[in-house]
Amino acid sequence: MFELIFFILLTPGVSEFLCMSPDLEMSYTFCDSTTSNFMFNLTPCNIMNIDVWNATLKWIPRSDITFLEVVFNIWYDGARVLHWKELLCSGTDDEYSVCETLKGETLVEEFNIKGSRTNFPKGNYSVVIQGFSDGSENNMVICLNFTMIVKQDVY
């Protein structure tokens, strides 16, 4: 069954329902007070036996992206289970298309997310993704809070 998650994130603080399937529910909010022009599309809308999700990202950043550090925090049933930082853009020899995107430009990127890396146990997940345009984590360019409810164990 082909299902599609399609969402446009425009309003901070308001929860938006994204998708529902027999094994997964997803929603989002912005976790900062500044609105962003952001769209994310993910197929399929389920978590069971998925090797690859197809994703499309459309984003108009609110500042130039010459430096970009992304911080992922994941909570599972209230306990933090992952804190991960990744430097995507350093300003020199960057490999990602988001690097060198100027404020007001539209970035459109299609990519795959490998689903088989992680088995998600049944439960409630909160995934906070923050993007910073400086190394001190003071200039946040985007902040998203995804809620993911896995309804059945993958095992």
Protein backbone atom coordinates (compact mmCIF):
# COMPACT_ATOMS: atom_id res chain seq x y z
CA MET A 1 0.00 0.00 0.00
CA PHE A 2 1.43 3.34 -1.03
CA GLU A 3 0.99 6.00 1.58
CA LEU A 4 2.41 9.46 1.60
CA ILE A 5 3.47 11.83 4.33
CA PHE A 6 3.29 15.35 3.03
CA PHE A 7 3.53 18.34 5.23
CA ILE A 8 4.30 22.00 5.13
CA LEU A 9 5.67 23.44 8.33
CA LEU A 10 4.67 27.08 8.56
CA THR A 11 3.18 27.80 11.99
CA PRO A 12 5.29 27.59 15.18
CA GLY A 13 3.79 26.01 18.27
CA VAL A 14 0.80 24.46 16.47
CA SER A 15 0.88 20.69 16.20
CA GLU A 16 0.13 19.35 12.73
CA PHE A 17 -0.89 15.73 12.17
CA LEU A 18 1.26 14.21 9.40
CA CYS A 19 0.29 10.61 8.83
CA MET A 20 -1.31 7.54 10.25
CA SER A 21 -0.89 3.89 9.31
CA PRO A 22 -1.47 0.64 11.21
CA ASP A 23 2.05 0.85 12.68
CA LEU A 24 2.94 4.58 12.76
CA GLU A 25 1.58 8.04 13.58
CA MET A 26 3.57 11.23 13.02
CA SER A 27 3.08 14.92 13.76
CA TYR A 28 5.29 17.98 14.12
CA THR A 29 5.72 21.44 15.62
CA PHE A 30 8.34 24.11 15.24
CA CYS A 31 10.31 24.33 18.47
CA ASP A 32 11.36 27.95 18.02
CA SER A 33 9.22 31.04 17.63
CA THR A 34 10.27 31.93 14.08
CA THR A 35 8.28 30.52 11.19
CA SER A 36 10.09 28.85 8.32
CA ASN A 37 9.15 27.91 4.81
CA PHE A 38 9.74 24.17 4.99
CA MET A 39 8.24 21.09 3.33
CA PHE A 40 9.09 17.45 3.83
CA ASN A 41 7.69 14.46 1.98
CA LEU A 42 8.35 10.86 3.04
CA THR A 43 7.09 7.60 1.56
CA PRO A 44 5.84 5.19 2.73
CA CYS A 45 4.04 6.13 5.96
CA ASN A 46 4.95 3.04 7.91
CA ILE A 47 7.86 1.64 9.85
CA MET A 48 7.51 -2.13 9.50
CA ASN A 49 9.93 -3.94 7.14
CA ILE A 50 11.11 -0.76 5.42
CA ASP A 51 14.58 -0.85 3.87
CA VAL A 52 14.47 2.66 2.38
CA TRP A 53 12.22 5.68 2.78
CA ASN A 54 12.14 8.16 -0.10
CA ALA A 55 12.31 11.75 1.12
CA THR A 56 12.02 15.18 -0.46
CA LEU A 57 12.99 18.36 1.36
CA LYS A 58 12.07 21.89 0.30
CA TRP A 59 13.35 24.73 2.49
CA ILE A 60 13.89 28.45 2.19
CA PRO A 61 16.44 29.26 4.92
CA ARG A 62 16.12 32.47 6.94
CA SER A 63 19.88 33.10 6.74
CA ASP A 64 22.77 32.19 4.43
CA ILE A 65 24.01 28.61 4.88
CA THR A 66 27.79 28.64 4.69
CA PHE A 67 28.16 26.83 8.02
CA LEU A 68 25.57 24.32 9.21
CA GLU A 69 25.71 22.07 12.25
CA VAL A 70 22.71 19.83 12.83
CA VAL A 71 21.89 18.51 16.30
CA PHE A 72 19.57 15.50 16.70
CA ASN A 73 18.04 14.61 20.04
CA ILE A 74 15.75 11.60 20.28
CA TRP A 75 13.63 10.70 23.32
CA TYR A 76 11.90 7.33 23.69
CA ASP A 77 9.06 7.18 26.22
CA GLY A 78 10.52 10.25 27.99
CA ALA A 79 14.19 9.16 28.17
CA ARG A 80 16.84 10.63 25.88
CA VAL A 81 18.30 7.81 23.79
CA LEU A 82 20.35 9.73 21.26
CA HIS A 83 22.27 13.02 21.11
CA TRP A 84 24.13 13.43 17.85
CA LYS A 85 25.80 16.39 16.14
CA GLU A 86 26.81 16.49 12.52
CA LEU A 87 28.71 19.27 10.75
CA LEU A 88 27.16 19.40 7.29
CA CYS A 89 28.71 22.65 6.04
CA SER A 90 32.03 24.13 7.12
CA GLY A 91 32.46 26.71 4.37
CA THR A 92 35.16 24.79 2.47
CA ASP A 93 34.89 21.73 0.23
CA ASP A 94 31.34 20.94 1.37
CA GLU A 95 29.63 17.93 -0.18
CA TYR A 96 25.97 18.64 0.64
CA SER A 97 23.67 20.69 -1.60
CA VAL A 98 22.35 22.72 1.35
CA CYS A 99 25.78 24.32 1.73
CA GLU A 100 26.09 27.77 0.15
CA THR A 101 22.30 28.19 -0.01
CA LEU A 102 21.54 31.88 0.38
CA LYS A 103 18.81 33.43 2.53
CA GLY A 104 15.61 33.41 0.47
CA GLU A 105 16.78 30.78 -2.03
CA THR A 106 14.72 27.63 -2.36
CA LEU A 107 16.56 24.41 -1.63
CA VAL A 108 14.96 21.25 -3.04
CA GLU A 109 16.66 17.94 -2.30
CA GLU A 110 15.60 14.32 -2.80
CA PHE A 111 17.31 11.59 -0.79
CA ASN A 112 16.84 8.15 0.73
CA ILE A 113 16.75 7.27 4.42
CA LYS A 114 17.80 3.72 5.19
CA GLY A 115 15.16 2.24 7.45
CA SER A 116 16.85 -1.05 8.24
CA ARG A 117 19.53 0.61 10.42
CA THR A 118 17.22 0.90 13.40
CA ASN A 119 14.43 -1.23 14.78
CA PHE A 120 12.04 1.08 16.58
CA PRO A 121 10.37 -0.59 19.58
CA LYS A 122 6.72 0.18 20.20
CA GLY A 123 6.35 3.50 22.02
CA ASN A 124 6.42 7.28 21.82
CA TYR A 125 9.35 9.14 20.27
CA SER A 126 10.21 12.81 20.21
CA VAL A 127 12.80 13.82 17.62
CA VAL A 128 14.16 17.36 17.88
CA ILE A 129 16.27 18.55 14.96
CA GLN A 130 18.09 21.87 15.32
CA GLY A 131 20.21 23.57 12.66
CA PHE A 132 22.80 26.20 13.61
CA SER A 133 24.70 28.55 11.30
CA ASP A 134 27.60 28.97 13.72
CA GLY A 135 29.83 26.72 15.80
CA SER A 136 28.63 28.12 19.12
CA GLU A 137 25.02 26.96 18.60
CA ASN A 138 23.76 30.51 19.06
CA ASN A 139 22.32 31.22 15.62
CA MET A 140 19.56 28.67 15.07
CA VAL A 141 18.28 28.61 11.48
CA ILE A 142 15.66 25.89 11.99
CA CYS A 143 14.21 23.81 14.82
CA LEU A 144 11.67 21.01 14.33
CA ASN A 145 10.05 18.71 16.89
CA PHE A 146 8.62 15.50 15.40
CA THR A 147 6.39 13.20 17.42
CA MET A 148 6.42 9.60 16.28
CA ILE A 149 4.21 6.90 17.78
CA VAL A 150 5.23 3.37 16.86
CA LYS A 151 2.17 1.21 17.43
CA GLN A 152 3.73 -2.28 17.23
CA ASP A 153 7.12 -3.85 17.75
CA VAL A 154 9.17 -4.53 14.62
CA TYR A 155 10.68 -7.78 15.86
